Amino acid sequence: MIGEATFQIWRTHPDGGGTFQTFQAQVSEGMVVLDVVHRIQAEQAPDLAVRWNCKAGKCGSCSAEINGNPRLMCMTQLAQLNLWEPVTVEPMRAFPPIKDLVTDVSWNFRVKKQISKFVPREPDAPDGTWRMAQRDVDRVQEFRKCIECFLCQDVCHVLRDHRKHDEFIGPRFFVYAANLEMNPLDTQDRVPELKDKHGIGYCNITKCCTKVCPEHIHITDNAIIPLKERIVSRYYDPLTRLLRVFR
């Protein structure tokens, strides 16, 4: 496939806001959207701002919305798109724009600092190390695949549509919290803060975050739902509340 295709790329204005700018670009077989953006940047719009790093789907830098869908530009093949129609490329909508395709994702790093850190229990072996079952290792292993592309944050309606950034930490950090909570070596209790401070109750488990994850992490089923179950068991289960009264 060698030819020309139309791309509509979001350009910010110095005075605020922005509009789509239309480009005609030569495309060829095997190209990804990031290749096209780089070609347009090199040949037509040298001031076009785009964030990227590895171009291998592992750094999470080139997150954007392609035809309205949150995706990594470096992992979106042109062969997956209908090039008979204009392809739109715009920044993530859940975060403030900086310039063109670049958004300010620093809020995510501030949120991460609010989550109680890992505090291990005392070593249980004579050599000062710990022992844990392999099934416990396997349970949290997928959570560590997260590349922090923040696509799950972008597609989450609580952040994207309702702008609850002050009350809700989002699916990426529920994965992070689950990784800590499900570690048998950890001694911290994050259930109260997940309920009262981090807004997990806002999540209505639509699984939109799971659908866009480039690492195929089962965010909803394996992280968010188990955390919700812990909260329900502790605070809303009638039997648990009755036992607490007698204790």
C-alpha atoms as a PDB file:
ATOM      1  CA  MET A   1       0.000   0.000   0.000  1.00  0.00           C
ATOM      2  CA  ILE A   2       1.585   3.222  -1.192  1.00  0.00           C
ATOM      3  CA  GLY A   3      -0.480   6.351  -1.615  1.00  0.00           C
ATOM      4  CA  GLU A   4      -1.852   9.427   0.064  1.00  0.00           C
ATOM      5  CA  ALA A   5      -4.181   9.721   3.034  1.00  0.00           C
ATOM      6  CA  THR A   6      -5.869  12.559   4.886  1.00  0.00           C
ATOM      7  CA  PHE A   7      -5.095  13.236   8.541  1.00  0.00           C
ATOM      8  CA  GLN A   8      -6.789  15.769  10.771  1.00  0.00           C
ATOM      9  CA  ILE A   9      -4.483  16.632  13.666  1.00  0.00           C
ATOM     10  CA  TRP A  10      -5.439  18.757  16.646  1.00  0.00           C
ATOM     11  CA  ARG A  11      -3.509  22.017  16.881  1.00  0.00           C
ATOM     12  CA  THR A  12      -3.747  24.262  19.914  1.00  0.00           C
ATOM     13  CA  HIS A  13      -4.002  28.042  19.626  1.00  0.00           C
ATOM     14  CA  PRO A  14      -1.752  30.434  21.554  1.00  0.00           C
ATOM     15  CA  ASP A  15      -4.803  32.176  22.993  1.00  0.00           C
ATOM     16  CA  GLY A  16      -6.412  28.904  24.141  1.00  0.00           C
ATOM     17  CA  GLY A  17      -8.582  26.266  22.509  1.00  0.00           C
ATOM     18  CA  GLY A  18      -7.697  24.576  19.278  1.00  0.00           C
ATOM     19  CA  THR A  19      -8.895  23.191  15.952  1.00  0.00           C
ATOM     20  CA  PHE A  20      -8.148  20.321  13.633  1.00  0.00           C
ATOM     21  CA  GLN A  21      -5.664  21.023  10.863  1.00  0.00           C
ATOM     22  CA  THR A  22      -5.901  18.881   7.748  1.00  0.00           C
ATOM     23  CA  PHE A  23      -2.802  17.325   6.196  1.00  0.00           C
ATOM     24  CA  GLN A  24      -2.267  15.138   3.155  1.00  0.00           C
ATOM     25  CA  ALA A  25       0.504  12.633   3.814  1.00  0.00           C
ATOM     26  CA  GLN A  26       2.188   9.887   1.835  1.00  0.00           C
ATOM     27  CA  VAL A  27       1.704   6.532   3.490  1.00  0.00           C
ATOM     28  CA  SER A  28       3.123   3.102   2.858  1.00  0.00           C
ATOM     29  CA  GLU A  29       2.676  -0.446   4.037  1.00  0.00           C
ATOM     30  CA  GLY A  30       3.693  -1.146   7.619  1.00  0.00           C
ATOM     31  CA  MET A  31       3.386   2.428   8.858  1.00  0.00           C
ATOM     32  CA  VAL A  32       1.825   3.327  12.191  1.00  0.00           C
ATOM     33  CA  VAL A  33       0.106   6.580  13.112  1.00  0.00           C
ATOM     34  CA  LEU A  34       3.219   7.878  14.872  1.00  0.00           C
ATOM     35  CA  ASP A  35       5.163   7.442  11.609  1.00  0.00           C
ATOM     36  CA  VAL A  36       2.665   9.690   9.843  1.00  0.00           C
ATOM     37  CA  VAL A  37       2.793  12.304  12.605  1.00  0.00           C
ATOM     38  CA  HIS A  38       6.583  12.343  12.344  1.00  0.00           C
ATOM     39  CA  ARG A  39       6.391  12.704   8.558  1.00  0.00           C
ATOM     40  CA  ILE A  40       3.977  15.614   8.839  1.00  0.00           C
ATOM     41  CA  GLN A  41       6.189  17.156  11.509  1.00  0.00           C
ATOM     42  CA  ALA A  42       9.272  16.813   9.282  1.00  0.00           C
ATOM     43  CA  GLU A  43       7.732  17.903   5.986  1.00  0.00           C
ATOM     44  CA  GLN A  44       4.786  20.201   6.708  1.00  0.00           C
ATOM     45  CA  ALA A  45       4.466  21.336  10.327  1.00  0.00           C
ATOM     46  CA  PRO A  46       7.818  21.556  12.148  1.00  0.00           C
ATOM     47  CA  ASP A  47       6.135  23.195  15.132  1.00  0.00           C
ATOM     48  CA  LEU A  48       3.767  20.244  15.690  1.00  0.00           C
ATOM     49  CA  ALA A  49       4.183  19.025  19.281  1.00  0.00           C
ATOM     50  CA  VAL A  50       4.013  15.298  20.008  1.00  0.00           C
ATOM     51  CA  ARG A  51       5.304  13.250  22.941  1.00  0.00           C
ATOM     52  CA  TRP A  52       7.001   9.926  22.232  1.00  0.00           C
ATOM     53  CA  ASN A  53      10.019   7.914  23.278  1.00  0.00           C
ATOM     54  CA  CYS A  54      10.444   4.192  22.572  1.00  0.00           C
ATOM     55  CA  LYS A  55       8.127   3.653  19.581  1.00  0.00           C
ATOM     56  CA  ALA A  56       7.738   0.079  20.800  1.00  0.00           C
ATOM     57  CA  GLY A  57       4.597   0.255  22.941  1.00  0.00           C
ATOM     58  CA  LYS A  58       6.503   0.114  26.225  1.00  0.00           C
ATOM     59  CA  CYS A  59       7.030   3.700  27.395  1.00  0.00           C
ATOM     60  CA  GLY A  60       3.400   4.877  27.227  1.00  0.00           C
ATOM     61  CA  SER A  61       4.430   8.317  25.964  1.00  0.00           C
ATOM     62  CA  CYS A  62       2.533   8.580  22.675  1.00  0.00           C
ATOM     63  CA  SER A  63      -0.997   8.196  24.033  1.00  0.00           C
ATOM     64  CA  ALA A  64      -3.621  10.004  21.956  1.00  0.00           C
ATOM     65  CA  GLU A  65      -7.127   9.631  20.610  1.00  0.00           C
ATOM     66  CA  ILE A  66      -7.282   8.213  17.108  1.00  0.00           C
ATOM     67  CA  ASN A  67     -10.676   8.498  15.475  1.00  0.00           C
ATOM     68  CA  GLY A  68     -12.003   9.157  18.967  1.00  0.00           C
ATOM     69  CA  ASN A  69     -10.481   6.025  20.527  1.00  0.00           C
ATOM     70  CA  PRO A  70      -7.703   6.241  23.162  1.00  0.00           C
ATOM     71  CA  ARG A  71      -4.712   4.394  21.710  1.00  0.00           C
ATOM     72  CA  LEU A  72      -0.933   4.406  21.479  1.00  0.00           C
ATOM     73  CA  MET A  73       0.094   6.052  18.217  1.00  0.00           C
ATOM     74  CA  CYS A  74       3.104   3.771  17.868  1.00  0.00           C
ATOM     75  CA  MET A  75       0.949   0.644  18.098  1.00  0.00           C
ATOM     76  CA  THR A  76      -1.866   1.722  15.784  1.00  0.00           C
ATOM     77  CA  GLN A  77      -1.230   0.319  12.322  1.00  0.00           C
ATOM     78  CA  LEU A  78      -2.593   2.259   9.368  1.00  0.00           C
ATOM     79  CA  ALA A  79      -3.868  -1.087   8.104  1.00  0.00           C
ATOM     80  CA  GLN A  80      -6.300  -1.057  11.043  1.00  0.00           C
ATOM     81  CA  LEU A  81      -7.843   2.238   9.912  1.00  0.00           C
ATOM     82  CA  ASN A  82     -10.148   3.250   7.092  1.00  0.00           C
ATOM     83  CA  LEU A  83      -7.874   5.500   5.017  1.00  0.00           C
ATOM     84  CA  TRP A  84     -10.701   6.342   2.616  1.00  0.00           C
ATOM     85  CA  GLU A  85     -11.864   8.748   5.304  1.00  0.00           C
ATOM     86  CA  PRO A  86      -9.869  11.371   7.234  1.00  0.00           C
ATOM     87  CA  VAL A  87      -8.056   9.975  10.269  1.00  0.00           C
ATOM     88  CA  THR A  88      -8.366  12.226  13.316  1.00  0.00           C
ATOM     89  CA  VAL A  89      -5.550  12.446  15.851  1.00  0.00           C
ATOM     90  CA  GLU A  90      -6.109  14.473  19.017  1.00  0.00           C
ATOM     91  CA  PRO A  91      -4.732  14.622  22.574  1.00  0.00           C
ATOM     92  CA  MET A  92      -6.223  12.781  25.532  1.00  0.00           C
ATOM     93  CA  ARG A  93      -9.304  14.633  26.731  1.00  0.00           C
ATOM     94  CA  ALA A  94      -9.061  13.788  30.431  1.00  0.00           C
ATOM     95  CA  PHE A  95      -6.005  16.000  30.983  1.00  0.00           C
ATOM     96  CA  PRO A  96      -5.177  19.670  30.352  1.00  0.00           C
ATOM     97  CA  PRO A  97      -3.602  20.423  26.961  1.00  0.00           C
ATOM     98  CA  ILE A  98      -0.062  21.753  26.759  1.00  0.00           C
ATOM     99  CA  LYS A  99       0.435  22.004  22.996  1.00  0.00           C
ATOM    100  CA  ASP A 100      -1.081  20.113  20.083  1.00  0.00           C
ATOM    101  CA  LEU A 101      -0.967  16.380  20.944  1.00  0.00           C
ATOM    102  CA  VAL A 102       0.828  16.841  24.273  1.00  0.00           C
ATOM    103  CA  THR A 103      -1.176  16.894  27.510  1.00  0.00           C
ATOM    104  CA  ASP A 104      -0.208  17.596  31.103  1.00  0.00           C
ATOM    105  CA  VAL A 105      -0.362  14.236  32.885  1.00  0.00           C
ATOM    106  CA  SER A 106       1.440  15.408  36.040  1.00  0.00           C
ATOM    107  CA  TRP A 107      -1.783  15.002  38.040  1.00  0.00           C
ATOM    108  CA  ASN A 108      -1.254  11.245  37.832  1.00  0.00           C
ATOM    109  CA  PHE A 109       2.108  11.437  39.547  1.00  0.00           C
ATOM    110  CA  ARG A 110       0.692  13.584  42.343  1.00  0.00           C
ATOM    111  CA  VAL A 111      -2.087  11.031  42.852  1.00  0.00           C
ATOM    112  CA  LYS A 112       0.389   8.183  43.098  1.00  0.00           C
ATOM    113  CA  LYS A 113       2.117   9.890  46.030  1.00  0.00           C
ATOM    114  CA  GLN A 114      -1.174   9.901  47.956  1.00  0.00           C
ATOM    115  CA  ILE A 115      -1.456   6.109  48.037  1.00  0.00           C
ATOM    116  CA  SER A 116       0.024   4.416  51.098  1.00  0.00           C
ATOM    117  CA  LYS A 117       3.354   2.899  50.235  1.00  0.00           C
ATOM    118  CA  PHE A 118       4.434  -0.718  50.617  1.00  0.00           C
ATOM    119  CA  VAL A 119       5.471  -1.579  54.165  1.00  0.00           C
ATOM    120  CA  PRO A 120       6.681  -5.193  54.509  1.00  0.00           C
ATOM    121  CA  ARG A 121       6.142  -7.403  57.521  1.00  0.00           C
ATOM    122  CA  GLU A 122       9.054  -8.789  59.462  1.00  0.00           C
ATOM    123  CA  PRO A 123      11.191 -11.351  57.565  1.00  0.00           C
ATOM    124  CA  ASP A 124      10.118 -14.929  58.228  1.00  0.00           C
ATOM    125  CA  ALA A 125      13.335 -16.721  57.301  1.00  0.00           C
ATOM    126  CA  PRO A 126      16.630 -17.007  59.230  1.00  0.00           C
ATOM    127  CA  ASP A 127      18.485 -15.260  56.413  1.00  0.00           C
ATOM    128  CA  GLY A 128      16.326 -12.134  56.722  1.00  0.00           C
ATOM    129  CA  THR A 129      14.157 -12.764  53.650  1.00  0.00           C
ATOM    130  CA  TRP A 130      10.486 -13.593  53.126  1.00  0.00           C
ATOM    131  CA  ARG A 131       8.500 -16.557  51.898  1.00  0.00           C
ATOM    132  CA  MET A 132       5.283 -16.307  49.891  1.00  0.00           C
ATOM    133  CA  ALA A 133       3.174 -18.711  47.864  1.00  0.00           C
ATOM    134  CA  GLN A 134       3.607 -18.792  44.108  1.00  0.00           C
ATOM    135  CA  ARG A 135      -0.126 -18.202  43.603  1.00  0.00           C
ATOM    136  CA  ASP A 136       0.229 -14.882  45.441  1.00  0.00           C
ATOM    137  CA  VAL A 137       3.097 -13.912  43.144  1.00  0.00           C
ATOM    138  CA  ASP A 138       1.090 -14.849  40.070  1.00  0.00           C
ATOM    139  CA  ARG A 139      -1.970 -12.904  41.218  1.00  0.00           C
ATOM    140  CA  VAL A 140      -0.271  -9.491  41.138  1.00  0.00           C
ATOM    141  CA  GLN A 141       2.176 -10.124  38.298  1.00  0.00           C
ATOM    142  CA  GLU A 142      -0.077  -8.708  35.581  1.00  0.00           C
ATOM    143  CA  PHE A 143      -0.470  -5.424  37.467  1.00  0.00           C
ATOM    144  CA  ARG A 144       3.257  -4.802  37.087  1.00  0.00           C
ATOM    145  CA  LYS A 145       2.949  -4.754  33.303  1.00  0.00           C
ATOM    146  CA  CYS A 146       1.388  -1.272  33.432  1.00  0.00           C
ATOM    147  CA  ILE A 147       3.362   1.215  31.292  1.00  0.00           C
ATOM    148  CA  GLU A 148       1.478   4.241  32.663  1.00  0.00           C
ATOM    149  CA  CYS A 149       0.210   5.349  29.275  1.00  0.00           C
ATOM    150  CA  PHE A 150      -2.880   6.638  31.138  1.00  0.00           C
ATOM    151  CA  LEU A 151      -5.240   5.519  28.375  1.00  0.00           C
ATOM    152  CA  CYS A 152      -7.405   3.877  31.032  1.00  0.00           C
ATOM    153  CA  GLN A 153      -7.536   7.203  32.866  1.00  0.00           C
ATOM    154  CA  ASP A 154      -8.471   8.992  29.658  1.00  0.00           C
ATOM    155  CA  VAL A 155     -11.358   6.694  28.752  1.00  0.00           C
ATOM    156  CA  CYS A 156     -12.812   6.616  32.290  1.00  0.00           C
ATOM    157  CA  HIS A 157     -16.019   8.655  32.262  1.00  0.00           C
ATOM    158  CA  VAL A 158     -15.527   9.762  35.881  1.00  0.00           C
ATOM    159  CA  LEU A 159     -12.415  11.692  34.830  1.00  0.00           C
ATOM    160  CA  ARG A 160     -13.159  12.341  31.170  1.00  0.00           C
ATOM    161  CA  ASP A 161     -16.774  13.522  31.413  1.00  0.00           C
ATOM    162  CA  HIS A 162     -17.379  14.376  35.067  1.00  0.00           C
ATOM    163  CA  ARG A 163     -13.915  15.801  35.858  1.00  0.00           C
ATOM    164  CA  LYS A 164     -13.775  14.221  39.330  1.00  0.00           C
ATOM    165  CA  HIS A 165      -9.985  14.525  39.528  1.00  0.00           C
ATOM    166  CA  ASP A 166     -10.147  15.814  43.108  1.00  0.00           C
ATOM    167  CA  GLU A 167     -12.223  12.867  44.316  1.00  0.00           C
ATOM    168  CA  PHE A 168     -11.247   9.902  42.133  1.00  0.00           C
ATOM    169  CA  ILE A 169      -7.826   8.402  41.457  1.00  0.00           C
ATOM    170  CA  GLY A 170      -8.819   6.430  38.358  1.00  0.00           C
ATOM    171  CA  PRO A 171      -8.292   2.855  37.125  1.00  0.00           C
ATOM    172  CA  ARG A 172      -4.525   3.097  36.752  1.00  0.00           C
ATOM    173  CA  PHE A 173      -4.134   3.735  40.486  1.00  0.00           C
ATOM    174  CA  PHE A 174      -6.696   1.170  41.501  1.00  0.00           C
ATOM    175  CA  VAL A 175      -4.382  -1.269  39.715  1.00  0.00           C
ATOM    176  CA  TYR A 176      -1.458   0.167  41.670  1.00  0.00           C
ATOM    177  CA  ALA A 177      -3.381  -0.079  44.941  1.00  0.00           C
ATOM    178  CA  ALA A 178      -4.467  -3.647  44.161  1.00  0.00           C
ATOM    179  CA  ASN A 179      -0.866  -4.592  43.499  1.00  0.00           C
ATOM    180  CA  LEU A 180      -0.007  -3.453  47.032  1.00  0.00           C
ATOM    181  CA  GLU A 181      -3.164  -4.665  48.782  1.00  0.00           C
ATOM    182  CA  MET A 182      -2.869  -8.190  47.372  1.00  0.00           C
ATOM    183  CA  ASN A 183       0.773  -8.554  48.317  1.00  0.00           C
ATOM    184  CA  PRO A 184       0.903 -10.904  51.340  1.00  0.00           C
ATOM    185  CA  LEU A 185       4.085  -9.234  52.584  1.00  0.00           C
ATOM    186  CA  ASP A 186       2.455  -5.807  52.924  1.00  0.00           C
ATOM    187  CA  THR A 187       1.149  -4.605  56.285  1.00  0.00           C
ATOM    188  CA  GLN A 188      -0.730  -1.456  55.235  1.00  0.00           C
ATOM    189  CA  ASP A 189      -4.525  -1.181  55.148  1.00  0.00           C
ATOM    190  CA  ARG A 190      -5.693   0.912  52.172  1.00  0.00           C
ATOM    191  CA  VAL A 191      -9.361  -0.086  52.267  1.00  0.00           C
ATOM    192  CA  PRO A 192     -10.544   2.986  54.249  1.00  0.00           C
ATOM    193  CA  GLU A 193      -8.745   5.436  51.977  1.00  0.00           C
ATOM    194  CA  LEU A 194      -9.986   3.678  48.846  1.00  0.00           C
ATOM    195  CA  LYS A 195     -13.526   4.131  50.134  1.00  0.00           C
ATOM    196  CA  ASP A 196     -13.374   7.618  51.615  1.00  0.00           C
ATOM    197  CA  LYS A 197     -10.484   9.400  49.907  1.00  0.00           C
ATOM    198  CA  HIS A 198      -9.875   7.791  46.517  1.00  0.00           C
ATOM    199  CA  GLY A 199     -13.483   7.501  45.328  1.00  0.00           C
ATOM    200  CA  ILE A 200     -13.618   3.898  44.180  1.00  0.00           C
ATOM    201  CA  GLY A 201     -17.395   4.038  44.659  1.00  0.00           C
ATOM    202  CA  TYR A 202     -17.662   6.254  41.563  1.00  0.00           C
ATOM    203  CA  CYS A 203     -16.534   3.361  39.346  1.00  0.00           C
ATOM    204  CA  ASN A 204     -19.511   1.532  37.841  1.00  0.00           C
ATOM    205  CA  ILE A 205     -17.348  -1.215  36.272  1.00  0.00           C
ATOM    206  CA  THR A 206     -18.162  -0.541  32.606  1.00  0.00           C
ATOM    207  CA  LYS A 207     -14.812  -2.152  31.688  1.00  0.00           C
ATOM    208  CA  CYS A 208     -13.950   0.648  29.269  1.00  0.00           C
ATOM    209  CA  CYS A 209     -10.537   0.903  30.950  1.00  0.00           C
ATOM    210  CA  THR A 210      -9.850  -2.781  30.359  1.00  0.00           C
ATOM    211  CA  LYS A 211     -10.747  -2.453  26.677  1.00  0.00           C
ATOM    212  CA  VAL A 212      -8.135   0.222  25.945  1.00  0.00           C
ATOM    213  CA  CYS A 213      -5.240  -1.224  27.977  1.00  0.00           C
ATOM    214  CA  PRO A 214      -2.351  -1.952  25.558  1.00  0.00           C
ATOM    215  CA  GLU A 215      -0.882  -4.447  28.042  1.00  0.00           C
ATOM    216  CA  HIS A 216      -4.196  -6.346  28.266  1.00  0.00           C
ATOM    217  CA  ILE A 217      -4.393  -6.011  32.040  1.00  0.00           C
ATOM    218  CA  HIS A 218      -7.753  -7.149  33.392  1.00  0.00           C
ATOM    219  CA  ILE A 219      -8.207  -3.881  35.252  1.00  0.00           C
ATOM    220  CA  THR A 220     -11.870  -4.256  36.144  1.00  0.00           C
ATOM    221  CA  ASP A 221     -12.098  -7.972  36.907  1.00  0.00           C
ATOM    222  CA  ASN A 222      -8.780  -8.500  38.667  1.00  0.00           C
ATOM    223  CA  ALA A 223      -8.146  -5.138  40.372  1.00  0.00           C
ATOM    224  CA  ILE A 224     -11.207  -2.913  40.775  1.00  0.00           C
ATOM    225  CA  ILE A 225     -13.846  -5.540  41.571  1.00  0.00           C
ATOM    226  CA  PRO A 226     -11.729  -7.303  44.246  1.00  0.00           C
ATOM    227  CA  LEU A 227     -11.047  -3.925  45.890  1.00  0.00           C
ATOM    228  CA  LYS A 228     -14.750  -3.101  45.834  1.00  0.00           C
ATOM    229  CA  GLU A 229     -15.504  -6.495  47.375  1.00  0.00           C
ATOM    230  CA  ARG A 230     -13.150  -5.745  50.264  1.00  0.00           C
ATOM    231  CA  ILE A 231     -14.938  -2.482  50.934  1.00  0.00           C
ATOM    232  CA  VAL A 232     -18.394  -4.068  50.749  1.00  0.00           C
ATOM    233  CA  SER A 233     -17.347  -6.925  53.033  1.00  0.00           C
ATOM    234  CA  ARG A 234     -15.966  -4.563  55.657  1.00  0.00           C
ATOM    235  CA  TYR A 235     -18.512  -1.754  55.644  1.00  0.00           C
ATOM    236  CA  TYR A 236     -21.775  -3.037  54.199  1.00  0.00           C
ATOM    237  CA  ASP A 237     -22.034  -6.769  54.824  1.00  0.00           C
ATOM    238  CA  PRO A 238     -24.728  -7.235  57.551  1.00  0.00           C
ATOM    239  CA  LEU A 239     -23.008 -10.217  59.149  1.00  0.00           C
ATOM    240  CA  THR A 240     -19.686  -8.417  59.375  1.00  0.00           C
ATOM    241  CA  ARG A 241     -21.321  -5.395  60.941  1.00  0.00           C
ATOM    242  CA  LEU A 242     -23.140  -7.601  63.454  1.00  0.00           C
ATOM    243  CA  LEU A 243     -19.911  -9.344  64.453  1.00  0.00           C
ATOM    244  CA  ARG A 244     -18.257  -5.956  64.886  1.00  0.00           C
ATOM    245  CA  VAL A 245     -20.982  -4.957  67.352  1.00  0.00           C
ATOM    246  CA  PHE A 246     -20.430  -8.050  69.497  1.00  0.00           C
ATOM    247  CA  ARG A 247     -16.680  -7.603  69.429  1.00  0.00           C
END
